[in-house]
PDB file of N, CA and C in Angstrom:
ATOM      1  N   MET A   1      24.916 129.538  13.605  1.00  0.00           N
ATOM      2  CA  MET A   1      24.298 128.786  14.683  1.00  0.00           C
ATOM      3  C   MET A   1      22.947 128.257  14.247  1.00  0.00           C
ATOM      4  N   SER A   2      22.567 127.122  14.802  1.00  0.00           N
ATOM      5  CA  SER A   2      21.276 126.543  14.470  1.00  0.00           C
ATOM      6  C   SER A   2      20.176 127.199  15.306  1.00  0.00           C
ATOM      7  N   LYS A   3      18.961 127.008  14.880  1.00  0.00           N
ATOM      8  CA  LYS A   3      17.805 127.594  15.556  1.00  0.00           C
ATOM      9  C   LYS A   3      17.669 127.083  16.997  1.00  0.00           C
ATOM     10  N   THR A   4      17.957 125.798  17.231  1.00  0.00           N
ATOM     11  CA  THR A   4      17.773 125.226  18.565  1.00  0.00           C
ATOM     12  C   THR A   4      18.758 125.782  19.579  1.00  0.00           C
ATOM     13  N   SER A   5      19.970 126.098  19.170  1.00  0.00           N
ATOM     14  CA  SER A   5      20.945 126.624  20.121  1.00  0.00           C
ATOM     15  C   SER A   5      20.651 128.080  20.489  1.00  0.00           C
ATOM     16  N   GLU A   6      19.873 128.785  19.657  1.00  0.00           N
ATOM     17  CA  GLU A   6      19.535 130.179  19.937  1.00  0.00           C
ATOM     18  C   GLU A   6      18.258 130.307  20.771  1.00  0.00           C
ATOM     19  N   GLU A   7      17.470 129.215  20.867  1.00  0.00           N
ATOM     20  CA  GLU A   7      16.223 129.268  21.615  1.00  0.00           C
ATOM     21  C   GLU A   7      16.483 129.507  23.088  1.00  0.00           C
ATOM     22  N   LYS A   8      15.727 130.430  23.663  1.00  0.00           N
ATOM     23  CA  LYS A   8      15.868 130.709  25.078  1.00  0.00           C
ATOM     24  C   LYS A   8      14.858 129.874  25.844  1.00  0.00           C
ATOM     25  N   VAL A   9      15.300 129.232  26.903  1.00  0.00           N
ATOM     26  CA  VAL A   9      14.386 128.466  27.748  1.00  0.00           C
ATOM     27  C   VAL A   9      14.225 129.193  29.075  1.00  0.00           C
ATOM     28  N   ILE A  10      13.024 129.090  29.623  1.00  0.00           N
ATOM     29  CA  ILE A  10      12.692 129.803  30.852  1.00  0.00           C
ATOM     30  C   ILE A  10      12.341 128.773  31.927  1.00  0.00           C
ATOM     31  N   PRO A  11      12.996 128.843  33.094  1.00  0.00           N
ATOM     32  CA  PRO A  11      12.677 127.884  34.160  1.00  0.00           C
ATOM     33  C   PRO A  11      11.356 128.229  34.832  1.00  0.00           C
ATOM     34  N   ALA A  12      10.619 127.183  35.215  1.00  0.00           N
ATOM     35  CA  ALA A  12       9.348 127.346  35.926  1.00  0.00           C
ATOM     36  C   ALA A  12       9.225 126.228  36.956  1.00  0.00           C
ATOM     37  N   GLU A  13       8.771 126.569  38.158  1.00  0.00           N
ATOM     38  CA  GLU A  13       8.652 125.610  39.256  1.00  0.00           C
ATOM     39  C   GLU A  13       7.221 125.093  39.363  1.00  0.00           C
ATOM     40  N   VAL A  14       7.072 123.773  39.509  1.00  0.00           N
ATOM     41  CA  VAL A  14       5.754 123.157  39.665  1.00  0.00           C
ATOM     42  C   VAL A  14       5.235 123.481  41.067  1.00  0.00           C
ATOM     43  N   ILE A  15       4.065 124.141  41.135  1.00  0.00           N
ATOM     44  CA  ILE A  15       3.499 124.503  42.440  1.00  0.00           C
ATOM     45  C   ILE A  15       2.225 123.723  42.755  1.00  0.00           C
ATOM     46  N   GLN A  16       1.612 123.097  41.727  1.00  0.00           N
ATOM     47  CA  GLN A  16       0.396 122.316  41.964  1.00  0.00           C
ATOM     48  C   GLN A  16       0.228 121.305  40.841  1.00  0.00           C
ATOM     49  N   ILE A  17      -0.178 120.091  41.191  1.00  0.00           N
ATOM     50  CA  ILE A  17      -0.527 119.084  40.191  1.00  0.00           C
ATOM     51  C   ILE A  17      -2.046 119.046  40.129  1.00  0.00           C
ATOM     52  N   VAL A  18      -2.595 119.415  38.963  1.00  0.00           N
ATOM     53  CA  VAL A  18      -4.036 119.549  38.807  1.00  0.00           C
ATOM     54  C   VAL A  18      -4.684 118.184  38.571  1.00  0.00           C
ATOM     55  N   GLY A  19      -4.141 117.395  37.653  1.00  0.00           N
ATOM     56  CA  GLY A  19      -4.713 116.084  37.358  1.00  0.00           C
ATOM     57  C   GLY A  19      -4.177 115.518  36.068  1.00  0.00           C
ATOM     58  N   ARG A  20      -4.718 114.362  35.690  1.00  0.00           N
ATOM     59  CA  ARG A  20      -4.295 113.690  34.466  1.00  0.00           C
ATOM     60  C   ARG A  20      -5.285 113.980  33.347  1.00  0.00           C
ATOM     61  N   THR A  21      -4.778 114.028  32.138  1.00  0.00           N
ATOM     62  CA  THR A  21      -5.603 114.271  30.967  1.00  0.00           C
ATOM     63  C   THR A  21      -5.048 113.447  29.809  1.00  0.00           C
ATOM     64  N   GLY A  22      -5.645 113.556  28.663  1.00  0.00           N
ATOM     65  CA  GLY A  22      -5.234 112.750  27.520  1.00  0.00           C
ATOM     66  C   GLY A  22      -6.101 111.502  27.433  1.00  0.00           C
ATOM     67  N   ILE A  23      -6.066 110.827  26.319  1.00  0.00           N
ATOM     68  CA  ILE A  23      -6.910 109.659  26.079  1.00  0.00           C
ATOM     69  C   ILE A  23      -6.640 108.569  27.113  1.00  0.00           C
ATOM     70  N   ALA A  24      -5.373 108.304  27.399  1.00  0.00           N
ATOM     71  CA  ALA A  24      -5.017 107.243  28.350  1.00  0.00           C
ATOM     72  C   ALA A  24      -4.483 107.800  29.664  1.00  0.00           C
ATOM     73  N   GLY A  25      -4.634 109.096  29.895  1.00  0.00           N
ATOM     74  CA  GLY A  25      -4.141 109.698  31.129  1.00  0.00           C
ATOM     75  C   GLY A  25      -2.637 109.848  31.164  1.00  0.00           C
ATOM     76  N   GLU A  26      -2.026 109.923  30.003  1.00  0.00           N
ATOM     77  CA  GLU A  26      -0.563 110.001  29.921  1.00  0.00           C
ATOM     78  C   GLU A  26      -0.016 111.406  30.111  1.00  0.00           C
ATOM     79  N   VAL A  27      -0.881 112.401  30.138  1.00  0.00           N
ATOM     80  CA  VAL A  27      -0.459 113.793  30.279  1.00  0.00           C
ATOM     81  C   VAL A  27      -0.911 114.302  31.649  1.00  0.00           C
ATOM     82  N   ILE A  28      -0.018 115.009  32.337  1.00  0.00           N
ATOM     83  CA  ILE A  28      -0.336 115.559  33.653  1.00  0.00           C
ATOM     84  C   ILE A  28      -0.468 117.074  33.523  1.00  0.00           C
ATOM     85  N   GLN A  29      -1.557 117.617  34.018  1.00  0.00           N
ATOM     86  CA  GLN A  29      -1.736 119.065  33.993  1.00  0.00           C
ATOM     87  C   GLN A  29      -1.218 119.641  35.308  1.00  0.00           C
ATOM     88  N   VAL A  30      -0.343 120.650  35.203  1.00  0.00           N
ATOM     89  CA  VAL A  30       0.285 121.244  36.381  1.00  0.00           C
ATOM     90  C   VAL A  30       0.178 122.761  36.328  1.00  0.00           C
ATOM     91  N   ARG A  31       0.280 123.397  37.497  1.00  0.00           N
ATOM     92  CA  ARG A  31       0.386 124.854  37.593  1.00  0.00           C
ATOM     93  C   ARG A  31       1.833 125.150  37.922  1.00  0.00           C
ATOM     94  N   VAL A  32       2.435 126.081  37.192  1.00  0.00           N
ATOM     95  CA  VAL A  32       3.841 126.424  37.380  1.00  0.00           C
ATOM     96  C   VAL A  32       4.008 127.919  37.604  1.00  0.00           C
ATOM     97  N   ARG A  33       5.045 128.290  38.347  1.00  0.00           N
ATOM     98  CA  ARG A  33       5.399 129.699  38.555  1.00  0.00           C
ATOM     99  C   ARG A  33       6.670 129.962  37.760  1.00  0.00           C
ATOM    100  N   VAL A  34       6.612 130.932  36.860  1.00  0.00           N
ATOM    101  CA  VAL A  34       7.762 131.288  36.030  1.00  0.00           C
ATOM    102  C   VAL A  34       8.821 131.950  36.915  1.00  0.00           C
ATOM    103  N   LEU A  35      10.064 131.483  36.810  1.00  0.00           N
ATOM    104  CA  LEU A  35      11.142 131.962  37.682  1.00  0.00           C
ATOM    105  C   LEU A  35      12.037 133.016  37.048  1.00  0.00           C
ATOM    106  N   ASP A  36      11.951 133.215  35.737  1.00  0.00           N
ATOM    107  CA  ASP A  36      12.869 134.123  35.064  1.00  0.00           C
ATOM    108  C   ASP A  36      12.198 134.706  33.824  1.00  0.00           C
ATOM    109  N   GLY A  37      12.796 135.732  33.247  1.00  0.00           N
ATOM    110  CA  GLY A  37      12.296 136.315  32.007  1.00  0.00           C
ATOM    111  C   GLY A  37      11.256 137.391  32.237  1.00  0.00           C
ATOM    112  N   LYS A  38      10.624 137.791  31.141  1.00  0.00           N
ATOM    113  CA  LYS A  38       9.670 138.900  31.203  1.00  0.00           C
ATOM    114  C   LYS A  38       8.394 138.551  31.972  1.00  0.00           C
ATOM    115  N   ASP A  39       8.070 137.270  32.075  1.00  0.00           N
ATOM    116  CA  ASP A  39       6.869 136.842  32.800  1.00  0.00           C
ATOM    117  C   ASP A  39       7.190 136.311  34.196  1.00  0.00           C
ATOM    118  N   LYS A  40       8.293 136.744  34.776  1.00  0.00           N
ATOM    119  CA  LYS A  40       8.715 136.263  36.097  1.00  0.00           C
ATOM    120  C   LYS A  40       7.600 136.450  37.121  1.00  0.00           C
ATOM    121  N   GLY A  41       7.301 135.382  37.885  1.00  0.00           N
ATOM    122  CA  GLY A  41       6.266 135.432  38.901  1.00  0.00           C
ATOM    123  C   GLY A  41       4.884 135.030  38.413  1.00  0.00           C
ATOM    124  N   ARG A  42       4.687 134.969  37.115  1.00  0.00           N
ATOM    125  CA  ARG A  42       3.388 134.604  36.543  1.00  0.00           C
ATOM    126  C   ARG A  42       3.112 133.118  36.770  1.00  0.00           C
ATOM    127  N   ILE A  43       1.862 132.775  37.032  1.00  0.00           N
ATOM    128  CA  ILE A  43       1.473 131.382  37.240  1.00  0.00           C
ATOM    129  C   ILE A  43       0.693 130.904  36.020  1.00  0.00           C
ATOM    130  N   LEU A  44       1.141 129.792  35.434  1.00  0.00           N
ATOM    131  CA  LEU A  44       0.553 129.233  34.226  1.00  0.00           C
ATOM    132  C   LEU A  44       0.064 127.813  34.468  1.00  0.00           C
ATOM    133  N   THR A  45      -0.888 127.372  33.656  1.00  0.00           N
ATOM    134  CA  THR A  45      -1.303 125.973  33.632  1.00  0.00           C
ATOM    135  C   THR A  45      -0.702 125.349  32.381  1.00  0.00           C
ATOM    136  N   ARG A  46       0.025 124.254  32.559  1.00  0.00           N
ATOM    137  CA  ARG A  46       0.679 123.588  31.424  1.00  0.00           C
ATOM    138  C   ARG A  46       0.434 122.095  31.468  1.00  0.00           C
ATOM    139  N   ASN A  47       0.498 121.445  30.318  1.00  0.00           N
ATOM    140  CA  ASN A  47       0.405 119.993  30.216  1.00  0.00           C
ATOM    141  C   ASN A  47       1.809 119.438  30.094  1.00  0.00           C
ATOM    142  N   VAL A  48       2.101 118.375  30.857  1.00  0.00           N
ATOM    143  CA  VAL A  48       3.435 117.780  30.881  1.00  0.00           C
ATOM    144  C   VAL A  48       3.307 116.299  30.604  1.00  0.00           C
ATOM    145  N   LYS A  49       4.119 115.795  29.688  1.00  0.00           N
ATOM    146  CA  LYS A  49       4.146 114.368  29.414  1.00  0.00           C
ATOM    147  C   LYS A  49       5.348 113.781  30.140  1.00  0.00           C
ATOM    148  N   GLY A  50       5.115 112.761  30.929  1.00  0.00           N
ATOM    149  CA  GLY A  50       6.179 112.149  31.717  1.00  0.00           C
ATOM    150  C   GLY A  50       5.958 112.411  33.189  1.00  0.00           C
ATOM    151  N   SER A  51       6.825 111.848  33.992  1.00  0.00           N
ATOM    152  CA  SER A  51       6.645 111.986  35.443  1.00  0.00           C
ATOM    153  C   SER A  51       7.041 113.383  35.907  1.00  0.00           C
ATOM    154  N   VAL A  52       6.282 113.900  36.846  1.00  0.00           N
ATOM    155  CA  VAL A  52       6.548 115.227  37.394  1.00  0.00           C
ATOM    156  C   VAL A  52       6.077 115.244  38.845  1.00  0.00           C
ATOM    157  N   ARG A  53       6.813 115.970  39.690  1.00  0.00           N
ATOM    158  CA  ARG A  53       6.463 116.080  41.109  1.00  0.00           C
ATOM    159  C   ARG A  53       6.454 117.547  41.504  1.00  0.00           C
ATOM    160  N   MET A  54       5.925 117.801  42.693  1.00  0.00           N
ATOM    161  CA  MET A  54       5.924 119.158  43.240  1.00  0.00           C
ATOM    162  C   MET A  54       7.367 119.653  43.342  1.00  0.00           C
ATOM    163  N   ASN A  55       7.572 120.938  43.134  1.00  0.00           N
ATOM    164  CA  ASN A  55       8.867 121.629  43.225  1.00  0.00           C
ATOM    165  C   ASN A  55       9.850 121.252  42.126  1.00  0.00           C
ATOM    166  N   ASP A  56       9.437 120.453  41.136  1.00  0.00           N
ATOM    167  CA  ASP A  56      10.296 120.193  39.985  1.00  0.00           C
ATOM    168  C   ASP A  56      10.447 121.485  39.184  1.00  0.00           C
ATOM    169  N   ILE A  57      11.556 121.613  38.500  1.00  0.00           N
ATOM    170  CA  ILE A  57      11.789 122.767  37.635  1.00  0.00           C
ATOM    171  C   ILE A  57      11.620 122.315  36.183  1.00  0.00           C
ATOM    172  N   LEU A  58      10.692 122.951  35.472  1.00  0.00           N
ATOM    173  CA  LEU A  58      10.469 122.680  34.057  1.00  0.00           C
ATOM    174  C   LEU A  58      11.133 123.780  33.244  1.00  0.00           C
ATOM    175  N   MET A  59      11.694 123.426  32.116  1.00  0.00           N
ATOM    176  CA  MET A  59      12.294 124.407  31.224  1.00  0.00           C
ATOM    177  C   MET A  59      11.322 124.648  30.065  1.00  0.00           C
ATOM    178  N   LEU A  60      10.699 125.825  30.057  1.00  0.00           N
ATOM    179  CA  LEU A  60       9.672 126.156  29.065  1.00  0.00           C
ATOM    180  C   LEU A  60      10.283 126.937  27.908  1.00  0.00           C
ATOM    181  N   ARG A  61       9.839 126.633  26.712  1.00  0.00           N
ATOM    182  CA  ARG A  61      10.279 127.403  25.546  1.00  0.00           C
ATOM    183  C   ARG A  61       9.458 128.672  25.398  1.00  0.00           C
ATOM    184  N   LYS A  62       8.163 128.565  25.724  1.00  0.00           N
ATOM    185  CA  LYS A  62       7.275 129.726  25.597  1.00  0.00           C
ATOM    186  C   LYS A  62       6.473 129.880  26.874  1.00  0.00           C
ATOM    187  N   THR A  63       6.269 131.117  27.301  1.00  0.00           N
ATOM    188  CA  THR A  63       5.439 131.358  28.487  1.00  0.00           C
ATOM    189  C   THR A  63       4.118 132.017  28.098  1.00  0.00           C
ATOM    190  N   GLU A  64       3.872 132.214  26.818  1.00  0.00           N
ATOM    191  CA  GLU A  64       2.636 132.845  26.377  1.00  0.00           C
ATOM    192  C   GLU A  64       1.489 131.848  26.352  1.00  0.00           C
ATOM    193  N   ARG A  65       1.785 130.588  26.082  1.00  0.00           N
ATOM    194  CA  ARG A  65       0.750 129.560  25.941  1.00  0.00           C
ATOM    195  C   ARG A  65       0.310 129.042  27.302  1.00  0.00           C
ATOM    196  N   GLU A  66      -0.975 128.739  27.379  1.00  0.00           N
ATOM    197  CA  GLU A  66      -1.528 128.154  28.596  1.00  0.00           C
ATOM    198  C   GLU A  66      -2.490 127.050  28.196  1.00  0.00           C
ATOM    199  N   ALA A  67      -2.477 125.943  28.950  1.00  0.00           N
ATOM    200  CA  ALA A  67      -3.336 124.798  28.656  1.00  0.00           C
ATOM    201  C   ALA A  67      -4.777 125.085  29.048  1.00  0.00           C
ATOM    202  N   ARG A  68      -5.704 124.432  28.354  1.00  0.00           N
ATOM    203  CA  ARG A  68      -7.116 124.536  28.727  1.00  0.00           C
ATOM    204  C   ARG A  68      -7.346 123.779  30.023  1.00  0.00           C
ATOM    205  N   LYS A  69      -8.287 124.221  30.814  1.00  0.00           N
ATOM    206  CA  LYS A  69      -8.582 123.595  32.094  1.00  0.00           C
ATOM    207  C   LYS A  69      -9.224 122.228  31.891  1.00  0.00           C
ATOM    208  N   ILE A  70      -8.930 121.287  32.795  1.00  0.00           N
ATOM    209  CA  ILE A  70      -9.557 119.970  32.766  1.00  0.00           C
ATOM    210  C   ILE A  70     -10.992 120.107  33.267  1.00  0.00           C
ATOM    211  N   LYS A  71     -11.923 119.465  32.578  1.00  0.00           N
ATOM    212  CA  LYS A  71     -13.335 119.547  32.979  1.00  0.00           C
ATOM    213  C   LYS A  71     -13.673 118.463  33.962  1.00  0.00           C
TER     214      LYS A  71
END
């Protein structure tokens, strides 16, 4: 099996849209609640490229990483 098929993804629900970041504002910073796995219930700040709305489900590869806060 290849490495990509063995990777576990963890669902997380968008609970807050913090704001836009990046040079041209192409990245959206969101707060998500992890729905499964060892970090179930944990709230993280993540950067998302592309359109995203409240209550969307994101599939995260890692739940250890957290984005820096927007100043």
